[in-house]
Amino acid sequence: MIYSVSTNSLSPTDTMFMSSAYSTPNLYCNEVADEVMSPNADLICDRDVEHATLDFLSYDDSFIISLFDSEIDQMRELESLPHVRGDSGLISARKDAVNWVLKVHACYRFRPETAYLSVNYLDRFLSSQSLPQQGGRGWPLQLLSVACLALAAKMEETSVPLLLDLQVKEPKFLFKPKTVQRMELLVMANLKWRLRMTTPFDFVPYFISKLSCLGSPLNDYSQAFSRASDLIISTCRGNSQMKTLSLSLSLSLSLSLSLSLSLSLSLSLSLSLSLSNHSSQRLSQQ
């Protein structure tokens, strides 16, 4: 059974984390019906892949070092989830929420970055905010999932479904757009409006582009990036995305891709050693 939930039907206790402080109408984005995206729309564009490849080919190693510095600072703020650790009920509910997010992600053929950011926002929110106690966490976690997915889609996608249309793939609850918008504001406030994060997707294209043994640049790049994306998204199903250092994951992916594609490992290994030394120097200085 699907339940429709609006803030008018919630108790004061349940709505304590959705106070009127986050209901400023001026912060809402008007939803236009003709901007809705079809679930069957093809969002994969070769021109985007080619453009990304050329961009990374033009960067020198200082670019990846700057990304690495950014990630070190970012990871210092992202500790393991205090509210999730040891809470088997919430861990199970989080798994269900992530699975739903990934189903919707696949339905609309969103970019892989959208799925990763959705889970990132969800985990970061859970690290700083306790949800109202419900059976299996019920509607609060579902509402949080919808809000995080909507925010990630707005960050990464060129066409974003209406909030009602985003709630597909058999959700247990349906929320009015205004309810989701209020939750979006609460999420952004808890994340201190830091929605742009350094992710594995920032690193992988660089390493792939450095593997000069690729035969057909565009086709091989697209295939390698697709395989790397699948591996990255699979990590989102774990207990906590924040326990995974995206750089370490990216280095592992670059090595795996080198092996599977019968490419040279020397460049990846040298980059790995160089960045590891840089990391040690940064951490010792701080």
Protein backbone atom coordinates (compact mmCIF):
# COMPACT_ATOMS: atom_id res chain seq x y z
CA MET A 1 0.00 0.00 0.00
CA ILE A 2 1.22 3.50 -0.84
CA TYR A 3 0.57 6.30 1.62
CA SER A 4 0.41 9.96 0.75
CA VAL A 5 2.14 12.09 3.38
CA SER A 6 2.03 15.85 3.79
CA THR A 7 3.31 18.02 6.60
CA ASN A 8 -0.28 18.84 7.60
CA SER A 9 -0.81 15.28 8.82
CA LEU A 10 2.41 14.98 10.84
CA SER A 11 2.70 15.28 14.60
CA PRO A 12 4.83 18.01 16.24
CA THR A 13 7.43 15.37 17.14
CA ASP A 14 7.67 14.08 13.58
CA THR A 15 7.95 17.55 12.11
CA MET A 16 10.57 18.83 14.54
CA PHE A 17 13.21 18.43 11.83
CA MET A 18 11.06 20.22 9.24
CA SER A 19 10.47 23.52 11.03
CA SER A 20 9.11 26.64 9.35
CA ALA A 21 12.64 28.00 9.25
CA TYR A 22 13.12 25.99 6.07
CA SER A 23 9.86 26.86 4.35
CA THR A 24 10.87 30.16 2.77
CA PRO A 25 8.90 30.25 -0.50
CA ASN A 26 11.54 32.43 -2.17
CA LEU A 27 13.99 29.53 -2.03
CA TYR A 28 11.73 27.17 -3.96
CA CYS A 29 12.21 26.44 -7.65
CA ASN A 30 9.01 26.52 -9.67
CA GLU A 31 8.30 23.19 -11.32
CA VAL A 32 7.28 23.48 -14.96
CA ALA A 33 5.39 20.52 -16.41
CA ASP A 34 6.93 20.74 -19.88
CA GLU A 35 10.41 20.39 -18.37
CA VAL A 36 9.68 16.89 -17.09
CA MET A 37 11.96 14.24 -18.47
CA SER A 38 10.70 11.04 -20.04
CA PRO A 39 11.86 7.86 -18.28
CA ASN A 40 12.85 6.56 -21.73
CA ALA A 41 14.96 9.57 -22.63
CA ASP A 42 18.47 8.75 -23.76
CA LEU A 43 20.81 10.82 -21.62
CA ILE A 44 24.05 9.27 -22.81
CA CYS A 45 25.79 11.69 -25.12
CA ASP A 46 29.04 10.79 -26.89
CA ARG A 47 29.86 14.46 -27.20
CA ASP A 48 29.90 14.77 -23.40
CA VAL A 49 32.25 11.79 -23.11
CA GLU A 50 34.54 13.15 -25.82
CA HIS A 51 34.56 16.60 -24.24
CA ALA A 52 35.46 15.15 -20.84
CA THR A 53 38.28 13.14 -22.40
CA LEU A 54 39.79 16.17 -24.11
CA ASP A 55 39.48 18.24 -20.94
CA PHE A 56 41.44 15.77 -18.87
CA LEU A 57 44.08 15.33 -21.56
CA SER A 58 44.78 19.06 -21.28
CA TYR A 59 45.39 18.99 -17.51
CA ASP A 60 48.80 18.41 -15.96
CA ASP A 61 49.53 16.50 -12.78
CA SER A 62 49.01 19.61 -10.65
CA PHE A 63 45.29 19.30 -11.35
CA ILE A 64 45.02 15.87 -9.75
CA ILE A 65 47.15 17.07 -6.83
CA SER A 66 44.70 19.91 -6.22
CA LEU A 67 41.82 17.44 -6.28
CA PHE A 68 43.66 15.26 -3.81
CA ASP A 69 44.21 18.23 -1.48
CA SER A 70 40.52 19.04 -1.68
CA GLU A 71 39.61 15.47 -0.81
CA ILE A 72 41.90 15.39 2.22
CA ASP A 73 40.22 18.51 3.62
CA GLN A 74 36.82 17.07 2.79
CA MET A 75 37.45 13.70 4.42
CA ARG A 76 38.50 15.36 7.68
CA GLU A 77 34.93 16.63 7.97
CA LEU A 78 33.27 13.36 7.00
CA GLU A 79 33.60 10.96 9.92
CA SER A 80 31.85 7.59 10.16
CA LEU A 81 28.14 7.74 10.89
CA PRO A 82 27.56 7.97 14.67
CA HIS A 83 23.80 7.43 14.36
CA VAL A 84 24.13 4.42 12.07
CA ARG A 85 26.92 2.51 13.77
CA GLY A 86 25.45 -0.30 15.87
CA ASP A 87 21.87 0.50 14.80
CA SER A 88 20.92 -2.59 12.81
CA GLY A 89 17.43 -1.22 12.13
CA LEU A 90 18.72 1.97 10.57
CA ILE A 91 21.43 0.13 8.65
CA SER A 92 18.76 -2.10 7.09
CA ALA A 93 16.49 0.88 6.39
CA ARG A 94 19.39 2.76 4.80
CA LYS A 95 20.08 -0.21 2.54
CA ASP A 96 16.45 -0.19 1.37
CA ALA A 97 16.60 3.57 0.81
CA VAL A 98 19.78 3.31 -1.27
CA ASN A 99 18.33 0.46 -3.31
CA TRP A 100 15.29 2.61 -4.09
CA VAL A 101 17.50 5.55 -5.10
CA LEU A 102 19.47 3.32 -7.46
CA LYS A 103 16.27 1.94 -9.01
CA VAL A 104 15.02 5.44 -9.78
CA HIS A 105 18.48 6.38 -11.01
CA ALA A 106 18.37 3.48 -13.47
CA CYS A 107 14.78 4.24 -14.48
CA TYR A 108 15.63 7.78 -15.58
CA ARG A 109 19.10 6.87 -16.81
CA PHE A 110 20.68 9.57 -14.72
CA ARG A 111 24.40 10.21 -14.77
CA PRO A 112 26.40 7.96 -12.40
CA GLU A 113 27.47 11.04 -10.44
CA THR A 114 23.83 11.62 -9.50
CA ALA A 115 23.54 8.27 -7.74
CA TYR A 116 26.80 8.78 -5.87
CA LEU A 117 25.87 12.28 -4.71
CA SER A 118 22.40 11.13 -3.62
CA VAL A 119 23.91 8.58 -1.25
CA ASN A 120 26.58 11.04 -0.16
CA TYR A 121 23.93 13.58 0.85
CA LEU A 122 21.89 10.91 2.62
CA ASP A 123 24.86 9.62 4.64
CA ARG A 124 26.07 13.08 5.56
CA PHE A 125 22.60 14.03 6.76
CA LEU A 126 22.35 10.88 8.87
CA SER A 127 25.73 11.69 10.41
CA SER A 128 24.41 14.95 11.84
CA GLN A 129 20.68 14.40 12.32
CA SER A 130 18.60 11.67 13.95
CA LEU A 131 15.38 10.80 12.17
CA PRO A 132 12.12 10.40 14.13
CA GLN A 133 11.69 6.84 15.38
CA GLN A 134 9.29 4.96 13.13
CA GLY A 135 8.80 1.28 12.38
CA GLY A 136 11.64 0.50 9.97
CA ARG A 137 12.19 4.29 9.95
CA GLY A 138 9.10 4.50 7.69
CA TRP A 139 8.32 7.74 5.93
CA PRO A 140 11.13 9.95 7.38
CA LEU A 141 13.88 8.02 5.61
CA GLN A 142 11.80 7.77 2.43
CA LEU A 143 11.30 11.54 2.44
CA LEU A 144 15.02 12.04 3.02
CA SER A 145 15.79 9.71 0.10
CA VAL A 146 13.52 11.64 -2.26
CA ALA A 147 15.01 14.97 -1.19
CA CYS A 148 18.61 13.77 -1.59
CA LEU A 149 17.92 12.29 -5.01
CA ALA A 150 16.15 15.48 -6.12
CA LEU A 151 19.07 17.64 -4.98
CA ALA A 152 21.64 15.42 -6.67
CA ALA A 153 19.64 15.44 -9.91
CA LYS A 154 19.47 19.23 -9.84
CA MET A 155 23.25 19.33 -9.39
CA GLU A 156 24.12 16.91 -12.20
CA GLU A 157 21.28 16.53 -14.70
CA THR A 158 20.20 18.81 -17.52
CA SER A 159 16.61 17.52 -17.34
CA VAL A 160 15.07 16.83 -13.94
CA PRO A 161 11.71 15.09 -13.40
CA LEU A 162 8.97 16.76 -11.40
CA LEU A 163 9.11 15.83 -7.73
CA LEU A 164 5.98 13.70 -8.01
CA ASP A 165 7.33 11.93 -11.09
CA LEU A 166 10.59 11.28 -9.27
CA GLN A 167 8.72 9.11 -6.77
CA VAL A 168 8.51 5.95 -8.89
CA LYS A 169 9.60 2.32 -8.51
CA GLU A 170 7.08 1.38 -5.83
CA PRO A 171 7.85 3.87 -3.05
CA LYS A 172 6.12 3.10 0.25
CA PHE A 173 5.06 6.72 0.64
CA LEU A 174 4.26 9.62 -1.68
CA PHE A 175 4.99 13.20 -0.70
CA LYS A 176 3.60 16.47 -1.98
CA PRO A 177 6.16 18.63 -3.83
CA LYS A 178 6.06 21.30 -1.13
CA THR A 179 6.88 18.69 1.52
CA VAL A 180 9.87 17.48 -0.50
CA GLN A 181 11.02 21.06 -1.08
CA ARG A 182 10.98 21.76 2.65
CA MET A 183 13.03 18.63 3.22
CA GLU A 184 15.47 19.72 0.51
CA LEU A 185 16.04 22.96 2.38
CA LEU A 186 16.61 21.09 5.63
CA VAL A 187 19.11 18.77 3.96
CA MET A 188 21.02 21.69 2.42
CA ALA A 189 21.09 23.49 5.76
CA ASN A 190 22.46 20.40 7.52
CA LEU A 191 25.08 19.96 4.81
CA LYS A 192 26.00 23.63 5.22
CA TRP A 193 25.11 24.11 1.53
CA ARG A 194 28.14 22.07 0.47
CA LEU A 195 26.60 20.12 -2.38
CA ARG A 196 29.62 20.06 -4.68
CA MET A 197 31.86 17.27 -3.41
CA THR A 198 35.06 15.67 -4.64
CA THR A 199 34.07 12.18 -5.77
CA PRO A 200 35.75 9.21 -7.51
CA PHE A 201 34.32 10.50 -10.77
CA ASP A 202 36.62 13.51 -10.50
CA PHE A 203 39.66 11.22 -10.54
CA VAL A 204 38.79 8.34 -12.85
CA PRO A 205 38.74 10.25 -16.20
CA TYR A 206 42.19 11.65 -15.46
CA PHE A 207 43.71 8.23 -14.86
CA ILE A 208 41.97 6.71 -17.86
CA SER A 209 43.18 9.52 -20.12
CA LYS A 210 46.73 8.94 -18.91
CA LEU A 211 46.67 5.34 -20.07
CA SER A 212 48.19 6.06 -23.48
CA CYS A 213 47.88 2.43 -24.59
CA LEU A 214 44.18 2.92 -25.36
CA GLY A 215 43.61 2.19 -29.02
CA SER A 216 40.48 4.09 -30.05
CA PRO A 217 40.35 7.04 -27.60
CA LEU A 218 36.62 7.78 -27.60
CA ASN A 219 35.29 4.21 -27.66
CA ASP A 220 37.81 2.83 -25.17
CA TYR A 221 37.43 5.80 -22.86
CA SER A 222 33.66 5.42 -22.83
CA GLN A 223 33.90 1.69 -22.11
CA ALA A 224 36.49 2.13 -19.36
CA PHE A 225 34.56 4.95 -17.70
CA SER A 226 31.36 2.91 -17.83
CA ARG A 227 33.03 -0.04 -16.13
CA ALA A 228 34.58 2.22 -13.50
CA SER A 229 31.21 3.87 -12.88
CA ASP A 230 29.56 0.50 -12.29
CA LEU A 231 32.18 -0.37 -9.68
CA ILE A 232 31.84 3.01 -7.95
CA ILE A 233 28.05 2.82 -7.80
CA SER A 234 28.28 -0.69 -6.34
CA THR A 235 30.10 0.77 -3.32
CA CYS A 236 27.04 2.88 -2.52
CA ARG A 237 25.22 -0.23 -1.34
CA GLY A 238 27.63 -0.63 1.58
CA ASN A 239 26.88 0.42 5.15
CA SER A 240 28.53 3.80 4.73
CA GLN A 241 29.73 5.47 1.57
CA MET A 242 31.80 7.86 3.65
CA LYS A 243 34.08 5.05 4.80
CA THR A 244 35.43 4.82 1.25
CA LEU A 245 38.19 7.22 0.26
CA SER A 246 37.35 8.12 -3.28
CA LEU A 247 40.98 8.54 -4.31
CA SER A 248 41.93 5.09 -3.06
CA LEU A 249 38.94 3.66 -4.90
CA SER A 250 39.90 5.48 -8.08
CA LEU A 251 43.46 4.21 -7.93
CA SER A 252 42.21 0.66 -7.48
CA LEU A 253 39.86 1.12 -10.41
CA SER A 254 42.62 2.45 -12.62
CA LEU A 255 44.74 -0.60 -11.83
CA SER A 256 41.83 -2.99 -12.39
CA LEU A 257 41.00 -1.35 -15.69
CA SER A 258 44.63 -1.56 -16.74
CA LEU A 259 44.67 -5.27 -16.04
CA SER A 260 41.34 -6.03 -17.67
CA LEU A 261 42.21 -4.05 -20.78
CA SER A 262 45.77 -5.43 -20.93
CA LEU A 263 47.22 -1.93 -20.49
CA SER A 264 50.49 -0.80 -18.96
CA LEU A 265 50.48 -0.45 -15.14
CA SER A 266 53.61 1.66 -14.85
CA LEU A 267 51.90 5.04 -15.19
CA SER A 268 49.14 4.19 -12.72
CA LEU A 269 51.67 2.89 -10.21
CA SER A 270 53.87 5.96 -10.50
CA LEU A 271 50.87 8.25 -10.04
CA SER A 272 49.77 6.21 -7.04
CA LEU A 273 53.19 6.47 -5.39
CA SER A 274 53.44 10.17 -6.14
CA LEU A 275 50.03 10.92 -4.67
CA SER A 276 50.66 8.70 -1.64
CA ASN A 277 53.86 10.63 -0.88
CA HIS A 278 51.99 13.89 -1.29
CA SER A 279 49.30 12.66 1.09
CA SER A 280 51.86 11.73 3.74
CA GLN A 281 53.46 15.15 3.50
CA ARG A 282 50.11 16.92 3.81
CA LEU A 283 49.04 14.87 6.83
CA SER A 284 52.40 15.29 8.60
CA GLN A 285 52.25 19.05 8.11
CA GLN A 286 48.78 19.17 9.67
